[in-house]
């Protein structure tokens, strides 16, 4: 049978013939005179300074001062925006010396969406909005962990995804993207210094790597120096004097 070969390999197709093509900006409409006039009026009455505003993809986008992020969201929540769907930061440190932080809000009752944006200088403390939206708790921790935005008045501002001793923040544009050869020494070099490479060893970056002691380590029953005896509720013994070199994995309980 003759092998079928498509005439055009779509995976190799170039969408733009121009090498330095820049995508067109999405259309933006004036916010004033739109269905979002109520939101603009409520914010103006509360004293929030709106730096700029427009409607994009049928949602209101407003820029405010970073010092008024809490006041802005508090006003919009009182207006009817019950949900904070997402918040994150874009690294603009090289261009502007800080971050663009956005809050994506949803009003279910009014069937409207609004995005609040503000510029936060590097090392500036941005007020937490956990008091207004519970969803901001982990989202703010993630934004701090991955982008480095500092949050004040957060109940537990610590890394969420990366280890506590991780250096820098992976979503920064300055974070190394030169592959495993450089990345495997990145943490060692930054935390301890390149002179400790031989002593510490390179970072394991193989997600498929499994250590021979993983099963014991994960179940927390292995210790080379101690014997363990565990009982389930009701006194059924399932591990007694665990020995690593005598262990075996069973598919079902005998």
Protein backbone atom coordinates (compact mmCIF):
# COMPACT_ATOMS: atom_id res chain seq x y z
CA UNK A 1 0.00 0.00 0.00
CA UNK A 2 1.34 3.37 -0.97
CA UNK A 3 1.98 5.67 1.96
CA UNK A 4 -0.32 8.67 2.08
CA UNK A 5 1.47 12.00 2.14
CA UNK A 6 -0.55 15.17 2.56
CA UNK A 7 0.19 17.93 0.09
CA UNK A 8 0.64 20.54 2.80
CA UNK A 9 2.25 19.91 6.17
CA UNK A 10 0.20 22.24 8.35
CA UNK A 11 2.59 21.84 11.26
CA UNK A 12 5.35 23.45 9.20
CA UNK A 13 3.16 26.17 7.75
CA UNK A 14 4.19 29.71 8.59
CA UNK A 15 1.20 31.78 9.53
CA UNK A 16 2.92 35.05 8.74
CA UNK A 17 5.19 35.53 5.77
CA UNK A 18 6.72 38.66 7.27
CA UNK A 19 9.55 37.69 9.63
CA UNK A 20 8.94 40.48 12.12
CA UNK A 21 5.16 40.44 11.99
CA UNK A 22 3.48 42.15 14.94
CA UNK A 23 -0.07 41.08 15.71
CA UNK A 24 -2.70 43.80 15.47
CA UNK A 25 -4.08 45.24 18.68
CA UNK A 26 -7.55 44.06 19.65
CA UNK A 27 -10.26 46.67 19.10
CA UNK A 28 -10.97 48.90 22.08
CA UNK A 29 -14.07 51.03 22.53
CA UNK A 30 -14.71 54.02 24.77
CA UNK A 31 -16.00 53.08 28.21
CA UNK A 32 -17.93 56.31 28.55
CA UNK A 33 -21.36 55.91 27.00
CA UNK A 34 -21.27 52.11 27.23
CA UNK A 35 -23.19 49.75 29.50
CA UNK A 36 -20.41 50.24 32.05
CA UNK A 37 -21.34 53.86 32.78
CA UNK A 38 -22.74 52.72 36.14
CA UNK A 39 -19.40 51.23 37.20
CA UNK A 40 -17.54 54.38 36.19
CA UNK A 41 -20.01 56.56 38.09
CA UNK A 42 -19.81 54.44 41.26
CA UNK A 43 -16.01 54.52 41.21
CA UNK A 44 -15.99 58.28 40.66
CA UNK A 45 -18.37 58.78 43.58
CA UNK A 46 -16.13 56.70 45.84
CA UNK A 47 -13.17 58.92 45.03
CA UNK A 48 -11.19 56.40 42.96
CA UNK A 49 -9.01 58.06 40.33
CA UNK A 50 -9.41 56.22 37.03
CA UNK A 51 -6.24 56.78 35.01
CA UNK A 52 -7.71 55.29 31.82
CA UNK A 53 -10.57 53.05 30.76
CA UNK A 54 -11.91 51.23 27.71
CA UNK A 55 -14.08 48.29 26.70
CA UNK A 56 -12.36 45.24 25.19
CA UNK A 57 -14.04 41.92 24.35
CA UNK A 58 -17.24 43.22 25.98
CA UNK A 59 -15.54 43.79 29.33
CA UNK A 60 -14.55 46.98 31.13
CA UNK A 61 -10.81 47.56 31.62
CA UNK A 62 -9.70 50.30 34.01
CA UNK A 63 -6.30 51.47 35.21
CA UNK A 64 -5.98 52.84 38.74
CA UNK A 65 -3.14 53.81 41.06
CA UNK A 66 -1.63 50.88 42.96
CA UNK A 67 -2.44 52.64 46.24
CA UNK A 68 -6.15 52.42 45.37
CA UNK A 69 -6.35 48.74 44.39
CA UNK A 70 -8.20 47.77 47.59
CA UNK A 71 -10.59 50.71 47.44
CA UNK A 72 -11.38 50.01 43.80
CA UNK A 73 -12.18 46.35 44.35
CA UNK A 74 -14.13 47.13 47.51
CA UNK A 75 -16.30 49.58 45.56
CA UNK A 76 -16.87 47.16 42.68
CA UNK A 77 -17.73 44.31 45.04
CA UNK A 78 -20.33 46.51 46.68
CA UNK A 79 -21.68 47.30 43.22
CA UNK A 80 -22.22 43.60 42.49
CA UNK A 81 -18.96 41.99 41.37
CA UNK A 82 -19.16 38.92 43.61
CA UNK A 83 -16.21 36.96 42.23
CA UNK A 84 -12.51 37.57 41.82
CA UNK A 85 -11.75 35.01 39.11
CA UNK A 86 -8.05 35.65 38.74
CA UNK A 87 -5.20 37.96 39.59
CA UNK A 88 -1.64 37.94 38.31
CA UNK A 89 1.32 40.13 37.37
CA UNK A 90 3.24 40.84 34.16
CA UNK A 91 6.97 41.52 34.47
CA UNK A 92 7.74 45.00 33.10
CA UNK A 93 10.81 45.56 35.26
CA UNK A 94 13.20 46.02 32.35
CA UNK A 95 10.93 48.50 30.55
CA UNK A 96 9.26 50.38 33.41
CA UNK A 97 10.83 49.17 36.65
CA UNK A 98 7.87 47.23 37.96
CA UNK A 99 4.85 45.02 37.32
CA UNK A 100 1.43 45.37 35.77
CA UNK A 101 -1.00 43.64 38.15
CA UNK A 102 -4.54 42.82 37.06
CA UNK A 103 -7.68 41.65 38.87
CA UNK A 104 -10.37 39.85 36.84
CA UNK A 105 -13.83 40.42 38.33
CA UNK A 106 -17.17 38.81 37.49
CA UNK A 107 -20.70 39.92 38.32
CA UNK A 108 -23.02 36.94 37.97
CA UNK A 109 -26.15 38.94 38.74
CA UNK A 110 -25.34 41.62 36.15
CA UNK A 111 -23.60 39.27 33.70
CA UNK A 112 -20.60 41.60 33.38
CA UNK A 113 -16.84 41.34 33.59
CA UNK A 114 -14.36 44.02 34.63
CA UNK A 115 -10.58 43.93 34.69
CA UNK A 116 -8.79 46.27 37.10
CA UNK A 117 -5.15 47.03 36.34
CA UNK A 118 -2.47 48.92 38.23
CA UNK A 119 1.27 49.44 37.96
CA UNK A 120 3.36 48.32 40.93
CA UNK A 121 6.97 49.42 41.25
CA UNK A 122 9.61 46.80 42.02
CA UNK A 123 9.87 46.28 45.81
CA UNK A 124 6.65 48.27 46.37
CA UNK A 125 4.16 46.71 48.80
CA UNK A 126 0.71 46.12 47.26
CA UNK A 127 -2.19 45.85 49.69
CA UNK A 128 -3.79 42.42 49.95
CA UNK A 129 -7.43 42.00 48.90
CA UNK A 130 -7.94 38.75 50.85
CA UNK A 131 -10.30 40.64 53.13
CA UNK A 132 -12.59 41.21 50.14
CA UNK A 133 -12.20 37.96 48.19
CA UNK A 134 -11.10 34.66 49.71
CA UNK A 135 -9.84 33.51 46.31
CA UNK A 136 -7.11 36.15 46.58
CA UNK A 137 -5.36 34.26 49.38
CA UNK A 138 -3.59 31.64 47.27
CA UNK A 139 -3.60 33.82 44.15
CA UNK A 140 -1.57 36.51 45.93
CA UNK A 141 0.81 33.90 47.30
CA UNK A 142 1.27 32.53 43.79
CA UNK A 143 1.88 36.02 42.41
CA UNK A 144 4.53 36.62 45.08
CA UNK A 145 6.08 33.18 44.59
CA UNK A 146 6.31 33.20 40.79
CA UNK A 147 6.61 36.93 40.02
CA UNK A 148 7.99 38.50 43.19
CA UNK A 149 5.20 41.03 43.84
CA UNK A 150 5.23 41.93 47.54
CA UNK A 151 1.86 41.88 49.33
CA UNK A 152 1.19 43.61 52.63
CA UNK A 153 -1.49 42.59 55.15
CA UNK A 154 -1.63 39.04 53.73
CA UNK A 155 -2.36 36.45 56.44
CA UNK A 156 0.36 34.03 55.29
CA UNK A 157 2.59 35.42 52.55
CA UNK A 158 4.98 32.58 51.75
CA UNK A 159 5.88 30.59 48.67
CA UNK A 160 3.07 28.43 47.35
CA UNK A 161 4.67 26.36 44.57
CA UNK A 162 8.44 26.72 44.83
CA UNK A 163 10.44 25.61 47.91
CA UNK A 164 10.93 28.21 50.64
CA UNK A 165 14.64 28.54 49.86
CA UNK A 166 14.16 29.01 46.10
CA UNK A 167 16.12 31.87 44.60
CA UNK A 168 14.27 34.45 42.49
CA UNK A 169 10.89 33.97 40.81
CA UNK A 170 10.32 31.71 37.75
CA UNK A 171 7.89 33.99 35.87
CA UNK A 172 10.33 36.89 35.72
CA UNK A 173 11.64 37.55 32.23
CA UNK A 174 15.14 37.65 33.70
CA UNK A 175 14.83 34.06 34.93
CA UNK A 176 17.21 31.76 33.00
CA UNK A 177 15.72 30.01 29.97
CA UNK A 178 18.90 28.58 28.52
CA UNK A 179 18.14 24.91 29.16
CA UNK A 180 19.09 22.24 31.65
CA UNK A 181 22.85 22.70 31.34
CA UNK A 182 22.59 26.13 32.95
CA UNK A 183 19.45 25.52 35.01
CA UNK A 184 20.84 22.45 36.80
CA UNK A 185 23.46 24.66 38.48
CA UNK A 186 21.34 27.81 38.84
CA UNK A 187 20.14 27.22 42.41
CA UNK A 188 23.51 25.95 43.63
CA UNK A 189 25.34 28.93 42.15
CA UNK A 190 22.88 31.50 43.47
CA UNK A 191 22.42 30.11 46.98
CA UNK A 192 25.83 28.60 47.77
CA UNK A 193 28.20 29.72 45.01
CA UNK A 194 29.76 27.94 42.04
CA UNK A 195 32.66 26.78 44.20
CA UNK A 196 30.26 24.38 45.97
CA UNK A 197 29.19 22.58 42.78
CA UNK A 198 31.34 19.52 43.38
CA UNK A 199 30.32 19.30 47.05
CA UNK A 200 26.54 19.64 46.50
CA UNK A 201 26.07 18.17 43.04
CA UNK A 202 23.78 19.23 40.22
CA UNK A 203 20.02 19.49 40.59
CA UNK A 204 18.03 16.51 39.36
CA UNK A 205 15.80 17.80 36.55
CA UNK A 206 14.49 14.44 35.32
CA UNK A 207 10.76 14.24 36.20
CA UNK A 208 10.76 10.50 35.52
CA UNK A 209 13.52 9.77 38.04
CA UNK A 210 12.49 7.35 40.78
CA UNK A 211 14.75 6.60 43.72
CA UNK A 212 14.86 3.06 45.05
CA UNK A 213 13.69 4.29 48.44
CA UNK A 214 10.79 6.38 47.10
CA UNK A 215 8.10 3.89 48.14
CA UNK A 216 9.38 3.69 51.70
CA UNK A 217 10.07 7.39 51.87
CA UNK A 218 6.64 8.37 50.58
CA UNK A 219 4.84 6.11 53.04
CA UNK A 220 7.12 7.29 55.86
CA UNK A 221 7.79 3.77 57.13
CA UNK A 222 11.47 3.47 56.30
CA UNK A 223 14.29 4.28 58.63
CA UNK A 224 17.58 2.43 58.47
CA UNK A 225 18.10 2.73 62.22
CA UNK A 226 14.64 1.94 63.61
CA UNK A 227 11.92 -0.70 63.49
CA UNK A 228 8.34 0.43 62.96
CA UNK A 229 5.00 -1.12 63.77
CA UNK A 230 1.79 0.50 62.49
CA UNK A 231 -1.80 -0.41 63.19
CA UNK A 232 -4.97 0.55 61.38
CA UNK A 233 -8.07 1.57 63.27
CA UNK A 234 -9.36 -1.57 64.93
CA UNK A 235 -5.90 -3.04 65.50
CA UNK A 236 -5.19 -4.61 62.09
CA UNK A 237 -1.44 -4.68 61.71
CA UNK A 238 -0.23 -3.85 58.19
CA UNK A 239 3.42 -2.95 58.72
CA UNK A 240 5.59 -4.64 61.28
CA UNK A 241 9.31 -4.10 61.62
CA UNK A 242 9.76 -2.62 58.15
CA UNK A 243 13.09 -3.53 56.58
CA UNK A 244 14.07 -1.88 53.33
CA UNK A 245 16.09 -4.83 52.01
CA UNK A 246 13.28 -7.29 52.82
CA UNK A 247 10.36 -5.25 51.48
CA UNK A 248 8.10 -6.09 48.57
CA UNK A 249 5.17 -4.33 46.90
CA UNK A 250 1.90 -6.27 46.88
CA UNK A 251 -1.09 -5.53 44.64
CA UNK A 252 -3.71 -6.38 47.24
CA UNK A 253 -3.90 -6.97 50.97
CA UNK A 254 -3.61 -10.67 51.81
